[in-house]
């Protein structure tokens, strides 16, 4: 009788009745976490490409302001830009506009394009009213 009083004689239930809920919750939560992580990585890739485009446009604009040849301006901008970026240089009076457009790696999900431009006044040209 003493064994029965201590609870040794009763079979114990393991896990209770909600044992399957943990598996079901995991099956729902894990894909959401993976999607969230992929979205973060995608966002970081886009921000990195945007920063590279900003740097490339500014580099090209500085080169153009020094009146470097257009080929040299494009070459310098492409070196700073993401791989496969398009660089255009246009002269507009005493100003030069450098535009950098890139299609960064987007994990194959969405076609995305980042664009940046910089405008500078060419050195030696007068700025005034």
N, C-alpha and C. Protein backbone atom coordinates (compact mmCIF):
# COMPACT_ATOMS: atom_id res chain seq x y z
N UNK A 1 0.81 -1.17 0.00
CA UNK A 1 0.00 0.00 0.00
C UNK A 1 0.87 1.26 0.00
N UNK A 2 1.97 1.18 0.65
CA UNK A 2 2.85 2.33 0.73
C UNK A 2 3.32 2.77 -0.66
N UNK A 3 3.61 1.83 -1.58
CA UNK A 3 4.03 2.17 -2.94
C UNK A 3 2.93 2.93 -3.67
N UNK A 4 1.69 2.54 -3.43
CA UNK A 4 0.58 3.21 -4.08
C UNK A 4 0.42 4.63 -3.55
N UNK A 5 0.67 4.85 -2.28
CA UNK A 5 0.56 6.17 -1.68
C UNK A 5 1.64 7.10 -2.21
N UNK A 6 2.80 6.59 -2.52
CA UNK A 6 3.89 7.41 -3.04
C UNK A 6 3.76 7.67 -4.53
N UNK A 7 2.79 7.07 -5.18
CA UNK A 7 2.57 7.31 -6.59
C UNK A 7 3.34 6.39 -7.50
N UNK A 8 3.96 5.36 -6.93
CA UNK A 8 4.75 4.46 -7.77
C UNK A 8 3.89 3.47 -8.53
N UNK A 9 2.75 3.21 -8.07
CA UNK A 9 1.90 2.22 -8.72
C UNK A 9 1.13 2.77 -9.90
N UNK A 10 1.03 4.08 -10.04
CA UNK A 10 0.27 4.67 -11.14
C UNK A 10 1.17 4.90 -12.34
N UNK A 11 0.69 4.62 -13.52
CA UNK A 11 1.49 4.94 -14.72
C UNK A 11 1.52 6.45 -14.93
N UNK A 12 2.66 6.97 -15.29
CA UNK A 12 2.81 8.42 -15.54
C UNK A 12 2.60 8.71 -17.02
N UNK A 13 1.96 9.82 -17.28
CA UNK A 13 1.77 10.25 -18.67
C UNK A 13 2.87 11.24 -19.01
N UNK A 14 3.51 11.03 -20.12
CA UNK A 14 4.57 11.93 -20.54
C UNK A 14 4.04 12.89 -21.60
N UNK A 15 4.41 14.16 -21.48
CA UNK A 15 4.10 15.14 -22.51
C UNK A 15 2.71 15.72 -22.42
N UNK A 16 1.82 15.10 -21.81
CA UNK A 16 0.47 15.65 -21.70
C UNK A 16 -0.27 15.59 -23.03
N UNK A 17 -1.40 16.27 -23.10
CA UNK A 17 -2.24 16.19 -24.29
C UNK A 17 -1.83 17.20 -25.36
N UNK A 18 -0.93 18.12 -25.06
CA UNK A 18 -0.54 19.14 -26.05
C UNK A 18 0.82 18.84 -26.69
N UNK A 19 1.20 17.61 -26.73
CA UNK A 19 2.50 17.22 -27.27
C UNK A 19 2.62 17.57 -28.76
N UNK A 20 1.58 17.46 -29.54
CA UNK A 20 1.64 17.74 -30.97
C UNK A 20 1.64 19.22 -31.31
N UNK A 21 1.27 20.08 -30.37
CA UNK A 21 1.21 21.50 -30.65
C UNK A 21 2.59 22.10 -30.88
N UNK A 22 3.59 21.59 -30.21
CA UNK A 22 4.94 22.12 -30.39
C UNK A 22 5.41 21.88 -31.82
N UNK A 23 5.13 20.72 -32.34
CA UNK A 23 5.49 20.42 -33.72
C UNK A 23 4.72 21.30 -34.69
N UNK A 24 3.45 21.49 -34.47
CA UNK A 24 2.64 22.33 -35.35
C UNK A 24 3.09 23.79 -35.30
N UNK A 25 3.40 24.27 -34.12
CA UNK A 25 3.88 25.64 -34.00
C UNK A 25 5.22 25.82 -34.69
N UNK A 26 6.09 24.85 -34.55
CA UNK A 26 7.39 24.91 -35.22
C UNK A 26 7.23 24.91 -36.73
N UNK A 27 6.28 24.13 -37.22
CA UNK A 27 6.06 24.06 -38.67
C UNK A 27 5.56 25.39 -39.22
N UNK A 28 4.93 26.19 -38.41
CA UNK A 28 4.45 27.50 -38.85
C UNK A 28 5.52 28.57 -38.64
N UNK A 29 6.21 28.53 -37.52
CA UNK A 29 7.15 29.58 -37.16
C UNK A 29 8.44 29.52 -37.97
N UNK A 30 8.97 28.34 -38.23
CA UNK A 30 10.25 28.23 -38.94
C UNK A 30 10.22 28.84 -40.35
N UNK A 31 9.21 28.57 -41.18
CA UNK A 31 9.18 29.22 -42.49
C UNK A 31 9.07 30.74 -42.39
N UNK A 32 8.34 31.23 -41.39
CA UNK A 32 8.24 32.68 -41.21
C UNK A 32 9.60 33.26 -40.84
N UNK A 33 10.34 32.60 -39.98
CA UNK A 33 11.67 33.07 -39.60
C UNK A 33 12.64 33.04 -40.79
N UNK A 34 12.56 32.00 -41.60
CA UNK A 34 13.42 31.92 -42.79
C UNK A 34 13.08 33.04 -43.77
N UNK A 35 11.78 33.29 -44.00
CA UNK A 35 11.37 34.37 -44.89
C UNK A 35 11.85 35.73 -44.37
N UNK A 36 11.74 35.92 -43.07
CA UNK A 36 12.20 37.17 -42.46
C UNK A 36 13.71 37.34 -42.63
N UNK A 37 14.47 36.28 -42.43
CA UNK A 37 15.92 36.34 -42.60
C UNK A 37 16.29 36.65 -44.05
N UNK A 38 15.60 36.03 -45.00
CA UNK A 38 15.86 36.31 -46.42
C UNK A 38 15.52 37.75 -46.77
N UNK A 39 14.44 38.27 -46.21
CA UNK A 39 14.08 39.67 -46.45
C UNK A 39 15.15 40.61 -45.90
N UNK A 40 15.71 40.29 -44.75
CA UNK A 40 16.78 41.11 -44.19
C UNK A 40 18.02 41.08 -45.08
N UNK A 41 18.39 39.91 -45.54
CA UNK A 41 19.56 39.79 -46.42
C UNK A 41 19.32 40.56 -47.71
N UNK A 42 18.13 40.43 -48.29
CA UNK A 42 17.78 41.15 -49.51
C UNK A 42 17.88 42.66 -49.29
N UNK A 43 17.36 43.13 -48.17
CA UNK A 43 17.42 44.56 -47.86
C UNK A 43 18.85 45.04 -47.71
N UNK A 44 19.68 44.25 -47.06
CA UNK A 44 21.09 44.63 -46.90
C UNK A 44 21.81 44.68 -48.25
N UNK A 45 21.50 43.75 -49.15
CA UNK A 45 22.10 43.78 -50.48
C UNK A 45 21.69 45.03 -51.25
N UNK A 46 20.43 45.44 -51.11
CA UNK A 46 19.95 46.64 -51.79
C UNK A 46 20.62 47.89 -51.23
N UNK A 47 20.74 47.96 -49.91
CA UNK A 47 21.38 49.13 -49.28
C UNK A 47 22.86 49.19 -49.68
N UNK A 48 23.52 48.06 -49.69
CA UNK A 48 24.94 48.04 -50.09
C UNK A 48 25.11 48.50 -51.54
N UNK A 49 24.22 48.05 -52.42
CA UNK A 49 24.29 48.47 -53.83
C UNK A 49 24.02 49.97 -53.97
N UNK A 50 23.07 50.48 -53.19
CA UNK A 50 22.77 51.91 -53.23
C UNK A 50 23.96 52.73 -52.79
N UNK A 51 24.63 52.29 -51.73
CA UNK A 51 25.81 53.01 -51.24
C UNK A 51 26.92 52.98 -52.29
N UNK A 52 27.11 51.85 -52.94
CA UNK A 52 28.13 51.77 -54.00
C UNK A 52 27.78 52.70 -55.15
N UNK A 53 26.51 52.81 -55.50
CA UNK A 53 26.10 53.72 -56.58
C UNK A 53 26.35 55.17 -56.20
N UNK A 54 26.08 55.53 -54.94
CA UNK A 54 26.36 56.88 -54.46
C UNK A 54 27.84 57.18 -54.59
N UNK A 55 28.67 56.27 -54.12
CA UNK A 55 30.12 56.46 -54.19
C UNK A 55 30.59 56.57 -55.64
N UNK A 56 30.05 55.72 -56.51
CA UNK A 56 30.46 55.74 -57.91
C UNK A 56 30.07 57.05 -58.58
N UNK A 57 28.86 57.53 -58.33
CA UNK A 57 28.41 58.79 -58.94
C UNK A 57 29.26 59.96 -58.44
N UNK A 58 29.57 59.98 -57.15
CA UNK A 58 30.40 61.06 -56.61
C UNK A 58 31.83 60.99 -57.15
N UNK A 59 32.36 59.79 -57.27
CA UNK A 59 33.71 59.63 -57.82
C UNK A 59 33.76 60.13 -59.26
N UNK A 60 32.77 59.72 -60.05
CA UNK A 60 32.71 60.19 -61.44
C UNK A 60 32.53 61.70 -61.53
N UNK A 61 31.70 62.26 -60.65
CA UNK A 61 31.47 63.70 -60.67
C UNK A 61 32.74 64.47 -60.31
N UNK A 62 33.49 63.99 -59.32
CA UNK A 62 34.75 64.66 -58.97
C UNK A 62 35.72 64.62 -60.14
N UNK A 63 35.77 63.48 -60.80
CA UNK A 63 36.66 63.34 -61.95
C UNK A 63 36.22 64.28 -63.08
N UNK A 64 34.92 64.37 -63.30
CA UNK A 64 34.42 65.25 -64.36
C UNK A 64 34.65 66.72 -64.00
N UNK A 65 34.56 67.06 -62.72
CA UNK A 65 34.79 68.44 -62.30
C UNK A 65 36.23 68.87 -62.58
N UNK A 66 37.15 67.92 -62.54
CA UNK A 66 38.56 68.22 -62.85
C UNK A 66 38.81 68.25 -64.35
N UNK A 67 37.75 68.09 -65.11
CA UNK A 67 37.79 68.08 -66.57
C UNK A 67 38.59 66.91 -67.13
N UNK A 68 38.48 65.76 -66.46
CA UNK A 68 39.07 64.54 -67.01
C UNK A 68 38.27 64.15 -68.26
N UNK A 69 38.88 63.39 -69.18
CA UNK A 69 38.16 62.95 -70.38
C UNK A 69 36.96 62.07 -69.99
N UNK A 70 35.89 62.12 -70.78
CA UNK A 70 34.69 61.32 -70.45
C UNK A 70 34.97 59.83 -70.26
N UNK A 71 35.89 59.27 -71.05
CA UNK A 71 36.21 57.84 -70.89
C UNK A 71 36.81 57.56 -69.51
N UNK A 72 37.65 58.47 -69.03
CA UNK A 72 38.26 58.30 -67.72
C UNK A 72 37.21 58.44 -66.61
N UNK A 73 36.26 59.34 -66.81
CA UNK A 73 35.19 59.52 -65.83
C UNK A 73 34.36 58.25 -65.72
N UNK A 74 33.99 57.69 -66.86
CA UNK A 74 33.19 56.46 -66.88
C UNK A 74 33.97 55.31 -66.26
N UNK A 75 35.25 55.20 -66.58
CA UNK A 75 36.07 54.12 -66.04
C UNK A 75 36.17 54.20 -64.51
N UNK A 76 36.42 55.40 -64.00
CA UNK A 76 36.51 55.57 -62.54
C UNK A 76 35.18 55.27 -61.85
N UNK A 77 34.10 55.71 -62.45
CA UNK A 77 32.78 55.45 -61.85
C UNK A 77 32.46 53.96 -61.87
N UNK A 78 32.80 53.28 -62.96
CA UNK A 78 32.52 51.83 -63.04
C UNK A 78 33.34 51.03 -62.03
N UNK A 79 34.55 51.50 -61.75
CA UNK A 79 35.38 50.82 -60.76
C UNK A 79 34.74 50.87 -59.37
N UNK A 80 34.06 51.97 -59.06
CA UNK A 80 33.44 52.11 -57.75
C UNK A 80 32.02 51.56 -57.69
N UNK A 81 31.42 51.34 -58.86
CA UNK A 81 30.01 50.90 -58.93
C UNK A 81 29.90 49.39 -58.75
N UNK A 82 28.68 48.91 -58.46
CA UNK A 82 28.47 47.45 -58.42
C UNK A 82 28.72 46.85 -59.80
N UNK A 83 29.03 45.57 -59.83
CA UNK A 83 29.32 44.88 -61.07
C UNK A 83 28.13 44.97 -62.04
N UNK A 84 28.40 45.32 -63.28
CA UNK A 84 27.37 45.39 -64.31
C UNK A 84 26.58 46.69 -64.33
N UNK A 85 27.03 47.69 -63.59
CA UNK A 85 26.30 48.97 -63.53
C UNK A 85 26.49 49.75 -64.83
N UNK A 86 25.46 50.55 -65.16
CA UNK A 86 25.55 51.45 -66.32
C UNK A 86 25.90 52.84 -65.81
N UNK A 87 26.87 53.46 -66.45
CA UNK A 87 27.31 54.80 -66.07
C UNK A 87 27.15 55.71 -67.28
N UNK A 88 26.47 56.84 -67.08
CA UNK A 88 26.34 57.83 -68.15
C UNK A 88 26.85 59.17 -67.63
N UNK A 89 27.53 59.90 -68.52
CA UNK A 89 28.07 61.21 -68.20
C UNK A 89 27.54 62.19 -69.24
N UNK A 90 26.89 63.27 -68.76
CA UNK A 90 26.35 64.29 -69.67
C UNK A 90 26.84 65.66 -69.24
N UNK A 91 27.23 66.43 -70.21
CA UNK A 91 27.63 67.82 -69.94
C UNK A 91 26.42 68.70 -70.23
N UNK A 92 26.10 69.57 -69.27
CA UNK A 92 24.97 70.48 -69.40
C UNK A 92 25.47 71.89 -69.09
N UNK A 93 26.02 72.56 -70.08
CA UNK A 93 26.60 73.89 -69.86
C UNK A 93 27.85 73.78 -69.02
N UNK A 94 27.86 74.45 -67.86
CA UNK A 94 29.03 74.40 -66.98
C UNK A 94 28.90 73.29 -65.94
N UNK A 95 27.90 72.45 -66.08
CA UNK A 95 27.67 71.35 -65.13
C UNK A 95 27.84 69.99 -65.83
N UNK A 96 28.21 69.01 -65.02
CA UNK A 96 28.32 67.63 -65.51
C UNK A 96 27.45 66.75 -64.61
N UNK A 97 26.65 65.91 -65.24
CA UNK A 97 25.77 64.99 -64.52
C UNK A 97 26.26 63.56 -64.75
N UNK A 98 26.53 62.85 -63.65
CA UNK A 98 26.96 61.45 -63.72
C UNK A 98 25.85 60.62 -63.11
N UNK A 99 25.34 59.65 -63.90
CA UNK A 99 24.25 58.79 -63.45
C UNK A 99 24.75 57.35 -63.43
N UNK A 100 24.51 56.68 -62.30
CA UNK A 100 24.90 55.27 -62.14
C UNK A 100 23.63 54.47 -61.86
N UNK A 101 23.39 53.43 -62.68
CA UNK A 101 22.22 52.56 -62.52
C UNK A 101 22.72 51.13 -62.43
N UNK A 102 22.28 50.41 -61.39
CA UNK A 102 22.72 49.02 -61.21
C UNK A 102 21.54 48.14 -60.86
N UNK A 103 21.63 46.90 -61.29
CA UNK A 103 20.67 45.87 -60.90
C UNK A 103 21.40 44.90 -59.98
N UNK A 104 21.30 45.12 -58.68
CA UNK A 104 22.06 44.28 -57.74
C UNK A 104 21.48 42.88 -57.63
N UNK A 105 22.26 42.00 -57.05
CA UNK A 105 21.81 40.65 -56.79
C UNK A 105 20.59 40.71 -55.89
N UNK A 106 19.49 40.10 -56.32
CA UNK A 106 18.26 40.21 -55.52
C UNK A 106 17.75 38.84 -55.09
N UNK A 107 18.61 37.87 -54.96
CA UNK A 107 18.25 36.53 -54.52
C UNK A 107 17.22 35.89 -55.43
N UNK A 108 17.11 36.37 -56.66
CA UNK A 108 16.19 35.78 -57.62
C UNK A 108 14.72 36.02 -57.33
N UNK A 109 14.41 36.92 -56.41
CA UNK A 109 13.02 37.12 -56.01
C UNK A 109 12.38 38.25 -56.81
N UNK A 110 12.92 39.45 -56.69
CA UNK A 110 12.34 40.62 -57.32
C UNK A 110 13.37 41.30 -58.20
N UNK A 111 12.96 41.72 -59.39
CA UNK A 111 13.87 42.55 -60.18
C UNK A 111 13.90 43.94 -59.56
N UNK A 112 15.05 44.42 -59.22
CA UNK A 112 15.17 45.68 -58.52
C UNK A 112 16.32 46.45 -59.13
N UNK A 113 16.17 47.78 -59.18
CA UNK A 113 17.20 48.62 -59.77
C UNK A 113 17.46 49.79 -58.83
N UNK A 114 18.73 50.10 -58.62
CA UNK A 114 19.09 51.26 -57.83
C UNK A 114 19.74 52.28 -58.75
N UNK A 115 19.47 53.56 -58.46
CA UNK A 115 19.94 54.64 -59.33
C UNK A 115 20.43 55.78 -58.47
N UNK A 116 21.52 56.36 -58.87
CA UNK A 116 22.05 57.53 -58.16
C UNK A 116 22.69 58.45 -59.17
N UNK A 117 22.59 59.75 -58.91
CA UNK A 117 23.24 60.70 -59.79
C UNK A 117 23.90 61.79 -58.97
N UNK A 118 24.93 62.38 -59.57
CA UNK A 118 25.65 63.49 -58.95
C UNK A 118 25.87 64.55 -60.02
N UNK A 119 25.69 65.79 -59.62
CA UNK A 119 25.88 66.92 -60.53
C UNK A 119 26.93 67.84 -59.93
N UNK A 120 27.89 68.25 -60.75
CA UNK A 120 28.94 69.15 -60.28
C UNK A 120 29.17 70.26 -61.30
N UNK A 121 29.72 71.35 -60.79
CA UNK A 121 30.13 72.44 -61.66
C UNK A 121 31.58 72.17 -62.04
N UNK A 122 31.88 72.32 -63.32
CA UNK A 122 33.21 72.05 -63.83
C UNK A 122 34.17 73.12 -63.30
N UNK A 123 35.34 72.70 -62.85
CA UNK A 123 36.33 73.64 -62.34
C UNK A 123 36.75 74.61 -63.45
N UNK A 124 36.93 75.86 -63.07
CA UNK A 124 37.35 76.85 -64.04
C UNK A 124 36.18 77.56 -64.68
N UNK A 125 34.96 77.07 -64.49
CA UNK A 125 33.80 77.77 -65.04
C UNK A 125 33.26 78.68 -63.96
N UNK A 126 32.71 79.79 -64.36
CA UNK A 126 32.23 80.77 -63.39
C UNK A 126 30.87 80.36 -62.87
N UNK A 127 30.69 80.57 -61.58
CA UNK A 127 29.41 80.32 -60.94
C UNK A 127 28.89 81.67 -60.49
N UNK A 128 27.72 81.99 -60.91
CA UNK A 128 27.17 83.29 -60.51
C UNK A 128 25.75 83.44 -61.00
N UNK A 129 25.15 84.60 -60.70
CA UNK A 129 23.75 84.83 -61.09
C UNK A 129 23.53 85.01 -62.55
